[in-house]
Amino acid sequence: MNNYFIILASGSGKRFGTKKPKQYLPYKNKELYEHSIVKSVKSGLFKKIVLVVDNPKKIKKKYSSKILIIKGGKERSDSSLLALKRIKKLKPNNVLIHDAA
């Protein structure tokens, strides 16, 4: 199992029309991005999960070493590329990329 899961959660959510980016909005007692983390960990399919956010200091919850939190780029494509570069040396067999919101 050398599968990796990238969760893109660094967008500003301008089109959504709220001050707070939608990935940080609460849904069923969790921030929206957390639902993706919980489901991906529970699946047991991934060696590592990469959470790409606008500011890693915003993430107050402590996760296991299986969750890597990195800073995203200006655009979604930049964030995807940063995450892919980060895991390249780990030689993943499969990489799934998911938008957190």
C-alpha atoms as a PDB file:
ATOM      1  CA  MET A   1       0.000   0.000   0.000  1.00  0.00           C
ATOM      2  CA  ASN A   2       1.843   3.034  -1.249  1.00  0.00           C
ATOM      3  CA  ASN A   3      -1.181   5.241  -1.868  1.00  0.00           C
ATOM      4  CA  TYR A   4      -1.304   8.916  -0.940  1.00  0.00           C
ATOM      5  CA  PHE A   5      -4.272  11.229  -0.522  1.00  0.00           C
ATOM      6  CA  ILE A   6      -3.982  14.973  -1.055  1.00  0.00           C
ATOM      7  CA  ILE A   7      -6.708  17.213   0.357  1.00  0.00           C
ATOM      8  CA  LEU A   8      -6.721  20.704  -1.112  1.00  0.00           C
ATOM      9  CA  ALA A   9      -8.017  23.141   1.495  1.00  0.00           C
ATOM     10  CA  SER A  10      -6.135  26.368   0.875  1.00  0.00           C
ATOM     11  CA  GLY A  11      -8.653  28.314  -1.189  1.00  0.00           C
ATOM     12  CA  SER A  12     -10.066  31.672  -0.167  1.00  0.00           C
ATOM     13  CA  GLY A  13     -13.664  30.780  -1.040  1.00  0.00           C
ATOM     14  CA  LYS A  14     -14.350  34.178  -2.634  1.00  0.00           C
ATOM     15  CA  ARG A  15     -17.185  32.863  -4.804  1.00  0.00           C
ATOM     16  CA  PHE A  16     -18.870  31.288  -1.783  1.00  0.00           C
ATOM     17  CA  GLY A  17     -19.558  34.716  -0.328  1.00  0.00           C
ATOM     18  CA  THR A  18     -18.472  34.309   3.304  1.00  0.00           C
ATOM     19  CA  LYS A  19     -15.651  35.936   5.236  1.00  0.00           C
ATOM     20  CA  LYS A  20     -14.389  32.574   6.399  1.00  0.00           C
ATOM     21  CA  PRO A  21     -13.227  30.145   3.685  1.00  0.00           C
ATOM     22  CA  LYS A  22     -15.750  27.344   3.289  1.00  0.00           C
ATOM     23  CA  GLN A  23     -13.280  24.565   4.159  1.00  0.00           C
ATOM     24  CA  TYR A  24     -13.180  25.998   7.709  1.00  0.00           C
ATOM     25  CA  LEU A  25     -16.933  26.288   8.148  1.00  0.00           C
ATOM     26  CA  PRO A  26     -18.508  23.880  10.632  1.00  0.00           C
ATOM     27  CA  TYR A  27     -20.588  20.981   9.373  1.00  0.00           C
ATOM     28  CA  LYS A  28     -21.855  18.342  11.804  1.00  0.00           C
ATOM     29  CA  ASN A  29     -19.508  19.516  14.578  1.00  0.00           C
ATOM     30  CA  LYS A  30     -16.353  19.476  12.425  1.00  0.00           C
ATOM     31  CA  GLU A  31     -14.731  21.880  10.028  1.00  0.00           C
ATOM     32  CA  LEU A  32     -15.519  20.802   6.482  1.00  0.00           C
ATOM     33  CA  TYR A  33     -11.990  19.630   5.627  1.00  0.00           C
ATOM     34  CA  GLU A  34     -11.969  17.358   8.696  1.00  0.00           C
ATOM     35  CA  HIS A  35     -14.642  15.116   7.199  1.00  0.00           C
ATOM     36  CA  SER A  36     -12.252  14.249   4.364  1.00  0.00           C
ATOM     37  CA  ILE A  37      -9.479  13.456   6.835  1.00  0.00           C
ATOM     38  CA  VAL A  38     -11.685  11.215   8.959  1.00  0.00           C
ATOM     39  CA  LYS A  39     -13.032   9.267   5.962  1.00  0.00           C
ATOM     40  CA  SER A  40      -9.619   8.818   4.358  1.00  0.00           C
ATOM     41  CA  VAL A  41      -7.993   7.623   7.596  1.00  0.00           C
ATOM     42  CA  LYS A  42     -10.890   5.285   8.326  1.00  0.00           C
ATOM     43  CA  SER A  43     -10.617   3.751   4.844  1.00  0.00           C
ATOM     44  CA  GLY A  44      -7.134   2.426   5.578  1.00  0.00           C
ATOM     45  CA  LEU A  45      -6.209   2.912   1.927  1.00  0.00           C
ATOM     46  CA  PHE A  46      -3.526   5.559   2.348  1.00  0.00           C
ATOM     47  CA  LYS A  47      -0.002   5.506   3.670  1.00  0.00           C
ATOM     48  CA  LYS A  48      -0.046   9.269   4.161  1.00  0.00           C
ATOM     49  CA  ILE A  49      -2.608  12.054   3.843  1.00  0.00           C
ATOM     50  CA  VAL A  50      -1.413  15.504   2.797  1.00  0.00           C
ATOM     51  CA  LEU A  51      -3.585  18.402   3.913  1.00  0.00           C
ATOM     52  CA  VAL A  52      -2.799  21.528   1.904  1.00  0.00           C
ATOM     53  CA  VAL A  53      -3.968  24.706   3.646  1.00  0.00           C
ATOM     54  CA  ASP A  54      -3.476  28.458   3.317  1.00  0.00           C
ATOM     55  CA  ASN A  55      -1.851  28.701   6.740  1.00  0.00           C
ATOM     56  CA  PRO A  56      -0.787  25.564   8.647  1.00  0.00           C
ATOM     57  CA  LYS A  57      -0.949  27.546  11.934  1.00  0.00           C
ATOM     58  CA  LYS A  58      -4.748  27.718  11.511  1.00  0.00           C
ATOM     59  CA  ILE A  59      -4.958  23.976  12.080  1.00  0.00           C
ATOM     60  CA  LYS A  60      -5.294  23.708  15.840  1.00  0.00           C
ATOM     61  CA  LYS A  61      -6.195  20.034  16.024  1.00  0.00           C
ATOM     62  CA  LYS A  62      -3.303  17.613  16.418  1.00  0.00           C
ATOM     63  CA  TYR A  63      -3.222  14.726  13.984  1.00  0.00           C
ATOM     64  CA  SER A  64      -1.173  11.563  13.806  1.00  0.00           C
ATOM     65  CA  SER A  65       2.067  11.473  11.844  1.00  0.00           C
ATOM     66  CA  LYS A  66       0.017   9.957   9.011  1.00  0.00           C
ATOM     67  CA  ILE A  67      -1.333  13.481   8.315  1.00  0.00           C
ATOM     68  CA  LEU A  68       1.121  15.905   6.759  1.00  0.00           C
ATOM     69  CA  ILE A  69       0.024  19.554   6.779  1.00  0.00           C
ATOM     70  CA  ILE A  70       1.642  21.879   4.255  1.00  0.00           C
ATOM     71  CA  LYS A  71       1.137  25.410   2.988  1.00  0.00           C
ATOM     72  CA  GLY A  72      -0.601  25.752  -0.363  1.00  0.00           C
ATOM     73  CA  GLY A  73       0.153  28.003  -3.282  1.00  0.00           C
ATOM     74  CA  LYS A  74      -1.581  30.956  -4.858  1.00  0.00           C
ATOM     75  CA  GLU A  75      -3.759  28.853  -7.164  1.00  0.00           C
ATOM     76  CA  ARG A  76      -5.210  25.345  -6.821  1.00  0.00           C
ATOM     77  CA  SER A  77      -2.772  24.048  -9.420  1.00  0.00           C
ATOM     78  CA  ASP A  78       0.138  25.488  -7.394  1.00  0.00           C
ATOM     79  CA  SER A  79      -1.134  23.756  -4.254  1.00  0.00           C
ATOM     80  CA  SER A  80      -1.469  20.448  -6.095  1.00  0.00           C
ATOM     81  CA  LEU A  81       2.054  20.740  -7.455  1.00  0.00           C
ATOM     82  CA  LEU A  82       3.507  21.580  -4.024  1.00  0.00           C
ATOM     83  CA  ALA A  83       1.884  18.492  -2.532  1.00  0.00           C
ATOM     84  CA  LEU A  84       3.027  16.258  -5.390  1.00  0.00           C
ATOM     85  CA  LYS A  85       6.598  17.541  -5.070  1.00  0.00           C
ATOM     86  CA  ARG A  86       6.478  16.880  -1.335  1.00  0.00           C
ATOM     87  CA  ILE A  87       5.576  13.196  -1.769  1.00  0.00           C
ATOM     88  CA  LYS A  88       7.602  12.539  -4.933  1.00  0.00           C
ATOM     89  CA  LYS A  89      10.585  11.166  -2.992  1.00  0.00           C
ATOM     90  CA  LEU A  90       8.261   8.622  -1.350  1.00  0.00           C
ATOM     91  CA  LYS A  91       7.592   7.084  -4.769  1.00  0.00           C
ATOM     92  CA  PRO A  92       3.819   6.677  -4.458  1.00  0.00           C
ATOM     93  CA  ASN A  93       2.033   4.075  -6.548  1.00  0.00           C
ATOM     94  CA  ASN A  94      -1.210   6.052  -6.571  1.00  0.00           C
ATOM     95  CA  VAL A  95      -2.119   9.615  -5.626  1.00  0.00           C
ATOM     96  CA  LEU A  96      -5.681  10.802  -5.184  1.00  0.00           C
ATOM     97  CA  ILE A  97      -6.373  14.536  -5.049  1.00  0.00           C
ATOM     98  CA  HIS A  98      -9.535  15.794  -3.417  1.00  0.00           C
ATOM     99  CA  ASP A  99     -10.905  19.304  -2.993  1.00  0.00           C
ATOM    100  CA  ALA A 100     -11.880  19.729   0.663  1.00  0.00           C
ATOM    101  CA  ALA A 101     -14.834  21.966  -0.115  1.00  0.00           C
END
